[in-house]
Amino acid sequence: MCTSIAYRDGGVFFGRNMDLDYHFDGRISVTPRNFPLIFRDFSTLDEHYGFIGMTARINGGFPLYCEGMNEKGLYMAGLDFVGNAHYPSGTTAGVAPFELIPLILGECASVDEARCVLSGVTLSDTPYSEEVSLTPLHWHIADREKSIVVEPLADGMKIYNNPADVLTNNPPFDFQMNNLCMYMNLTPTEPLGKLAKKPWLTTFGKGLGSFGLPGDFSPPSRFVRAVYMLSSSQTEEGTSHISQVFRILDNVAMVRGSVLTASGKCNFTDYSCCFSPADMACYIKTYGNGRLSAATMTEEMLRGDEIRHFEIPRQEDIFRLA
């Protein structure tokens, strides 16, 4: 359960909610250009683009990224795709799913380049380790101009243009786009009175143009809600676009206790993050700490040869005026 967006207003910004039924033990990491990416069954990248994003706290040389952005402003996020993700059984001569984000961010400067690399990629069913199982995923890839979605299905890898700039979870992406047609009437303006062409029918409050906007936490509803927020978003002059990204993500975030798994666990938004190509930064807030933290990918970091990690403050941090 997750939501990923590309926000295009006053530049481009990429955002993501990580929805889980446990606290993700992760940190912001910067992988520099000279850190060797040693793939299981793919050519090693000794030199590549540097990138920043959230990684799992796992020992070992290969970084396990959930999402990230490289120095060229290319963004990629992996989202849960249980029941639909298909990695060919027994396939070993390919790219493992956990390797795909480092491969694309390391090799590609744009969505078009990513599409070209993906056309020659076969995904394997290789897990990260015996302790870390194979995760069923699909991916959102975006740059300053456009987005695509990559889905490994039983009948092969599908690459979709994504004019909505949004990705959630199941069902597959083509359903999500078709489902948007059910909500073409939504508008941030006052609704037109078409039920009875008489002057006595007037609105009784603000926001009635968005009547029917789904408010539940299912992936299709979050998809529709995120598309509506993106398409109607207006940032006030002099305010931060980054704050606007987090406002949109808040509208599709899960409050602890609002969604329970089959085993009774709480599904909640463990963290939300925003990537800004303009300053090469990753901004983040967690469920327990709503105050923004940020890490910037500097040229000095990019010239290094070791991954740089930044711990995320998770305890409540309040700026007290008095």
Protein backbone atom coordinates (compact mmCIF):
# COMPACT_ATOMS: atom_id res chain seq x y z
CA MET A 1 0.00 0.00 0.00
CA CYS A 2 1.75 3.18 -1.21
CA THR A 3 1.26 6.27 -3.37
CA SER A 4 3.81 7.94 -5.66
CA ILE A 5 3.36 11.27 -7.48
CA ALA A 6 5.21 13.66 -9.79
CA TYR A 7 4.20 17.26 -9.05
CA ARG A 8 4.73 19.73 -11.90
CA ASP A 9 4.21 23.31 -10.80
CA GLY A 10 7.05 25.80 -10.45
CA GLY A 11 9.47 23.04 -11.43
CA VAL A 12 9.11 19.33 -10.76
CA PHE A 13 9.01 17.47 -7.45
CA PHE A 14 8.56 13.77 -6.75
CA GLY A 15 6.75 12.44 -3.70
CA ARG A 16 5.94 9.14 -2.12
CA ASN A 17 4.03 7.67 0.83
CA MET A 18 5.37 4.42 2.27
CA ASP A 19 2.40 2.53 3.71
CA LEU A 20 3.26 -0.51 5.84
CA ASP A 21 2.01 -2.56 8.78
CA TYR A 22 5.33 -2.06 10.60
CA HIS A 23 7.90 0.71 11.08
CA PHE A 24 10.43 0.69 8.25
CA ASP A 25 13.96 0.63 9.63
CA GLY A 26 15.48 2.83 6.95
CA ARG A 27 17.60 5.90 6.36
CA ILE A 28 18.38 8.38 3.59
CA SER A 29 21.41 7.24 1.62
CA VAL A 30 23.56 8.78 -1.10
CA THR A 31 25.27 6.36 -3.47
CA PRO A 32 28.19 8.19 -5.14
CA ARG A 33 29.32 7.83 -8.75
CA ASN A 34 32.29 5.62 -7.95
CA PHE A 35 30.61 3.13 -5.62
CA PRO A 36 30.66 -0.18 -7.55
CA LEU A 37 27.20 -1.60 -8.19
CA ILE A 38 27.88 -5.33 -8.38
CA PHE A 39 24.78 -6.98 -9.83
CA ARG A 40 24.16 -10.71 -9.46
CA ASP A 41 23.87 -11.51 -13.18
CA PHE A 42 24.41 -8.16 -14.88
CA SER A 43 27.49 -6.15 -15.75
CA THR A 44 29.03 -4.32 -12.79
CA LEU A 45 28.71 -0.53 -12.88
CA ASP A 46 31.99 0.85 -11.55
CA GLU A 47 31.05 4.37 -12.62
CA HIS A 48 27.50 5.68 -12.83
CA TYR A 49 25.22 8.56 -11.89
CA GLY A 50 24.98 9.24 -8.17
CA PHE A 51 21.59 8.99 -6.49
CA ILE A 52 19.81 9.65 -3.20
CA GLY A 53 16.85 7.93 -1.55
CA MET A 54 15.55 5.75 1.25
CA THR A 55 17.35 2.46 1.85
CA ALA A 56 16.67 -0.47 4.14
CA ARG A 57 19.14 -0.90 6.97
CA ILE A 58 20.69 -4.14 5.70
CA ASN A 59 24.29 -5.22 5.99
CA GLY A 60 26.00 -5.88 2.70
CA GLY A 61 27.51 -3.97 -0.17
CA PHE A 62 24.47 -3.59 -2.40
CA PRO A 63 22.06 -0.78 -1.42
CA LEU A 64 18.39 -1.79 -1.08
CA TYR A 65 16.52 1.31 -2.29
CA CYS A 66 12.76 1.82 -1.91
CA GLU A 67 12.80 4.96 -4.05
CA GLY A 68 15.34 7.51 -5.15
CA MET A 69 16.41 10.31 -7.48
CA ASN A 70 19.67 10.60 -9.37
CA GLU A 71 21.82 13.65 -10.08
CA LYS A 72 20.11 14.13 -13.47
CA GLY A 73 16.70 14.48 -11.84
CA LEU A 74 15.38 11.01 -12.71
CA TYR A 75 13.11 9.52 -10.04
CA MET A 76 12.08 5.91 -9.46
CA ALA A 77 9.95 4.26 -6.77
CA GLY A 78 8.95 0.65 -6.15
CA LEU A 79 5.39 0.06 -4.89
CA ASP A 80 3.65 -3.04 -3.62
CA PHE A 81 2.02 -5.12 -6.39
CA VAL A 82 0.95 -8.31 -4.58
CA GLY A 83 -0.97 -10.81 -6.66
CA ASN A 84 -0.01 -9.28 -9.99
CA ALA A 85 3.79 -8.98 -10.01
CA HIS A 86 5.27 -11.94 -11.86
CA TYR A 87 8.96 -12.79 -11.89
CA PRO A 88 9.64 -15.81 -14.14
CA SER A 89 10.29 -18.81 -11.91
CA GLY A 90 13.81 -20.19 -12.15
CA THR A 91 15.11 -17.17 -14.06
CA THR A 92 18.59 -16.35 -12.83
CA ALA A 93 20.23 -14.67 -15.84
CA GLY A 94 18.54 -11.31 -15.36
CA VAL A 95 18.14 -8.32 -13.07
CA ALA A 96 16.77 -9.03 -9.60
CA PRO A 97 13.85 -6.77 -8.63
CA PHE A 98 15.86 -5.12 -5.82
CA GLU A 99 18.56 -4.24 -8.38
CA LEU A 100 16.26 -2.40 -10.77
CA ILE A 101 16.22 1.00 -9.02
CA PRO A 102 20.05 1.23 -8.74
CA LEU A 103 20.39 0.04 -12.34
CA ILE A 104 18.01 2.61 -13.80
CA LEU A 105 19.13 5.51 -11.60
CA GLY A 106 22.77 4.63 -12.20
CA GLU A 107 22.50 4.30 -15.98
CA CYS A 108 19.77 6.69 -17.11
CA ALA A 109 19.36 10.46 -17.26
CA SER A 110 15.75 10.50 -18.49
CA VAL A 111 12.54 8.49 -18.81
CA ASP A 112 13.35 7.84 -22.48
CA GLU A 113 16.74 6.37 -21.57
CA ALA A 114 15.10 4.28 -18.84
CA ARG A 115 12.59 2.90 -21.33
CA CYS A 116 15.46 1.95 -23.65
CA VAL A 117 17.37 0.12 -20.88
CA LEU A 118 14.22 -1.64 -19.68
CA SER A 119 13.56 -3.00 -23.17
CA GLY A 120 16.66 -5.17 -22.75
CA VAL A 121 16.02 -6.23 -19.14
CA THR A 122 14.71 -9.59 -17.96
CA LEU A 123 13.70 -9.70 -14.30
CA SER A 124 14.77 -12.71 -12.26
CA ASP A 125 13.14 -14.20 -9.19
CA THR A 126 16.29 -13.70 -7.11
CA PRO A 127 15.68 -12.46 -3.52
CA TYR A 128 18.05 -10.06 -1.79
CA SER A 129 19.03 -12.74 0.72
CA GLU A 130 17.64 -15.70 2.63
CA GLU A 131 16.43 -13.29 5.31
CA VAL A 132 14.91 -10.74 2.88
CA SER A 133 12.24 -12.34 0.72
CA LEU A 134 11.33 -11.46 -2.86
CA THR A 135 8.99 -8.43 -2.88
CA PRO A 136 6.23 -8.14 -5.53
CA LEU A 137 6.63 -4.67 -7.03
CA HIS A 138 5.81 -2.35 -9.88
CA TRP A 139 7.63 0.92 -10.48
CA HIS A 140 6.95 4.60 -11.12
CA ILE A 141 9.69 6.36 -13.13
CA ALA A 142 9.57 10.12 -13.79
CA ASP A 143 11.73 12.99 -14.95
CA ARG A 144 11.16 16.71 -15.46
CA GLU A 145 8.77 16.11 -18.35
CA LYS A 146 6.93 12.79 -18.04
CA SER A 147 6.23 9.55 -16.19
CA ILE A 148 6.02 5.88 -17.04
CA VAL A 149 4.91 2.80 -15.10
CA VAL A 150 6.71 -0.55 -15.29
CA GLU A 151 4.74 -3.69 -14.40
CA PRO A 152 6.09 -7.27 -14.50
CA LEU A 153 3.01 -9.31 -15.42
CA ALA A 154 2.50 -12.98 -16.26
CA ASP A 155 2.43 -12.16 -20.00
CA GLY A 156 5.59 -10.06 -19.84
CA MET A 157 6.90 -6.70 -18.69
CA LYS A 158 4.56 -3.83 -19.53
CA ILE A 159 5.69 -0.20 -19.82
CA TYR A 160 2.89 2.36 -19.78
CA ASN A 161 2.94 6.09 -20.43
CA ASN A 162 1.65 7.75 -17.27
CA PRO A 163 0.09 11.15 -18.03
CA ALA A 164 -1.58 11.08 -14.60
CA ASP A 165 1.85 11.21 -12.85
CA VAL A 166 0.45 8.91 -10.11
CA LEU A 167 0.92 5.29 -9.08
CA THR A 168 -0.65 3.32 -6.23
CA ASN A 169 -1.03 -0.48 -6.04
CA ASN A 170 -3.46 -3.09 -7.42
CA PRO A 171 -5.17 -3.47 -9.84
CA PRO A 172 -2.74 -3.03 -12.77
CA PHE A 173 -2.15 0.42 -14.19
CA ASP A 174 -4.39 0.11 -17.24
CA PHE A 175 -7.39 -0.43 -14.91
CA GLN A 176 -6.45 2.63 -12.85
CA MET A 177 -6.41 4.83 -15.96
CA ASN A 178 -9.74 3.46 -17.24
CA ASN A 179 -11.26 3.93 -13.80
CA LEU A 180 -10.48 7.67 -13.95
CA CYS A 181 -13.22 8.00 -16.59
CA MET A 182 -15.76 7.41 -13.81
CA TYR A 183 -14.71 10.70 -12.19
CA MET A 184 -14.52 13.07 -15.16
CA ASN A 185 -17.24 15.21 -13.57
CA LEU A 186 -15.09 16.23 -10.58
CA THR A 187 -14.20 19.91 -10.44
CA PRO A 188 -12.84 22.34 -7.83
CA THR A 189 -15.37 24.93 -9.07
CA GLU A 190 -19.07 25.22 -8.20
CA PRO A 191 -21.16 22.48 -9.89
CA LEU A 192 -23.49 23.33 -12.75
CA GLY A 193 -27.17 22.85 -11.95
CA LYS A 194 -28.30 20.27 -14.50
CA LEU A 195 -30.81 18.29 -12.42
CA ALA A 196 -33.57 20.87 -12.74
CA LYS A 197 -33.15 23.92 -14.90
CA LYS A 198 -34.76 26.20 -12.36
CA PRO A 199 -33.22 29.05 -10.35
CA TRP A 200 -34.38 27.60 -7.00
CA LEU A 201 -31.62 24.94 -7.02
CA THR A 202 -28.50 26.52 -5.54
CA THR A 203 -25.46 25.16 -3.73
CA PHE A 204 -25.49 25.15 0.08
CA GLY A 205 -21.74 25.04 0.69
CA LYS A 206 -18.29 25.05 -0.84
CA GLY A 207 -16.67 22.00 -2.42
CA LEU A 208 -19.76 20.44 -4.01
CA GLY A 209 -18.00 20.26 -7.36
CA SER A 210 -15.87 17.43 -5.94
CA PHE A 211 -18.87 15.47 -4.66
CA GLY A 212 -18.16 11.80 -5.42
CA LEU A 213 -14.41 12.05 -4.89
CA PRO A 214 -13.63 8.71 -3.20
CA GLY A 215 -12.40 9.02 0.36
CA ASP A 216 -11.49 5.44 1.23
CA PHE A 217 -7.97 4.01 1.34
CA SER A 218 -8.19 1.44 -1.47
CA PRO A 219 -5.55 1.78 -4.21
CA PRO A 220 -8.06 2.87 -6.91
CA SER A 221 -9.54 5.51 -4.61
CA ARG A 222 -6.13 6.84 -3.59
CA PHE A 223 -5.18 6.93 -7.29
CA VAL A 224 -8.25 9.03 -8.17
CA ARG A 225 -7.78 11.30 -5.16
CA ALA A 226 -4.10 11.92 -5.94
CA VAL A 227 -4.87 12.68 -9.59
CA TYR A 228 -7.58 15.16 -8.54
CA MET A 229 -5.25 16.88 -6.06
CA LEU A 230 -2.44 17.13 -8.61
CA SER A 231 -4.67 18.45 -11.39
CA SER A 232 -6.35 21.08 -9.21
CA SER A 233 -3.37 22.08 -7.05
CA GLN A 234 -2.45 25.76 -6.88
CA THR A 235 0.59 26.97 -4.96
CA GLU A 236 0.33 30.43 -3.45
CA GLU A 237 3.05 32.81 -4.52
CA GLY A 238 5.83 32.96 -1.96
CA THR A 239 5.04 29.57 -0.42
CA SER A 240 6.92 26.31 -0.77
CA HIS A 241 6.11 23.81 -3.49
CA ILE A 242 7.61 21.17 -1.23
CA SER A 243 4.94 21.87 1.38
CA GLN A 244 2.32 21.49 -1.34
CA VAL A 245 3.67 18.05 -2.25
CA PHE A 246 3.33 16.94 1.37
CA ARG A 247 -0.21 18.36 1.51
CA ILE A 248 -1.15 16.17 -1.45
CA LEU A 249 0.52 13.14 0.09
CA ASP A 250 -1.34 13.80 3.35
CA ASN A 251 -4.61 13.47 1.45
CA VAL A 252 -3.81 9.86 0.55
CA ALA A 253 -2.03 8.94 3.80
CA MET A 254 -3.26 6.27 6.22
CA VAL A 255 -3.94 7.00 9.87
CA ARG A 256 -2.96 4.20 12.25
CA GLY A 257 -6.05 2.13 12.94
CA SER A 258 -7.98 3.22 9.84
CA VAL A 259 -6.87 0.17 7.81
CA LEU A 260 -6.31 -3.28 9.31
CA THR A 261 -4.71 -6.25 7.58
CA ALA A 262 -6.24 -9.73 7.57
CA SER A 263 -4.09 -10.57 10.59
CA GLY A 264 -5.29 -7.48 12.49
CA LYS A 265 -2.18 -5.33 12.04
CA CYS A 266 -2.48 -1.60 11.41
CA ASN A 267 -1.54 -0.41 7.93
CA PHE A 268 -0.29 3.19 8.19
CA THR A 269 1.88 5.73 6.37
CA ASP A 270 5.25 5.15 8.00
CA TYR A 271 6.96 7.98 6.10
CA SER A 272 6.38 10.50 3.33
CA CYS A 273 9.22 11.89 1.23
CA CYS A 274 9.72 14.51 -1.46
CA PHE A 275 12.60 14.80 -3.94
CA SER A 276 13.59 18.16 -5.43
CA PRO A 277 15.87 18.10 -8.50
CA ALA A 278 16.46 21.84 -8.15
CA ASP A 279 18.50 21.42 -4.97
CA MET A 280 19.24 17.67 -5.20
CA ALA A 281 17.53 17.09 -1.87
CA CYS A 282 15.33 14.48 -0.23
CA TYR A 283 12.80 15.84 2.28
CA ILE A 284 11.10 13.45 4.67
CA LYS A 285 8.70 13.22 7.60
CA THR A 286 7.69 10.14 9.57
CA TYR A 287 4.52 9.00 11.29
CA GLY A 288 5.92 9.94 14.68
CA ASN A 289 7.63 13.17 13.60
CA GLY A 290 5.75 15.52 11.28
CA ARG A 291 8.58 18.06 11.16
CA LEU A 292 10.49 17.96 7.85
CA SER A 293 14.08 16.72 7.71
CA ALA A 294 16.25 16.98 4.61
CA ALA A 295 19.47 15.60 3.14
CA THR A 296 21.16 17.17 0.13
CA MET A 297 23.26 15.26 -2.40
CA THR A 298 26.33 17.49 -2.76
CA GLU A 299 29.08 17.37 -5.37
CA GLU A 300 31.54 16.34 -2.64
CA MET A 301 29.37 13.32 -1.79
CA LEU A 302 29.01 12.40 -5.47
CA ARG A 303 32.79 12.32 -5.93
CA GLY A 304 33.22 9.82 -3.10
CA ASP A 305 33.36 6.05 -3.30
CA GLU A 306 31.38 5.04 -0.19
CA ILE A 307 27.66 5.26 0.48
CA ARG A 308 26.74 8.10 2.84
CA HIS A 309 23.87 7.46 5.28
CA PHE A 310 21.69 9.97 7.15
CA GLU A 311 19.60 8.94 10.13
CA ILE A 312 16.00 10.18 10.23
CA PRO A 313 14.64 11.69 13.46
CA ARG A 314 11.50 9.73 14.31
CA GLN A 315 10.63 11.15 17.71
CA GLU A 316 8.17 14.02 17.93
CA ASP A 317 10.02 17.31 17.38
CA ILE A 318 8.00 20.46 18.07
CA PHE A 319 9.25 23.99 17.43
CA ARG A 320 8.04 25.80 20.54
CA LEU A 321 7.40 29.54 20.25
CA ALA A 322 7.62 30.08 23.99
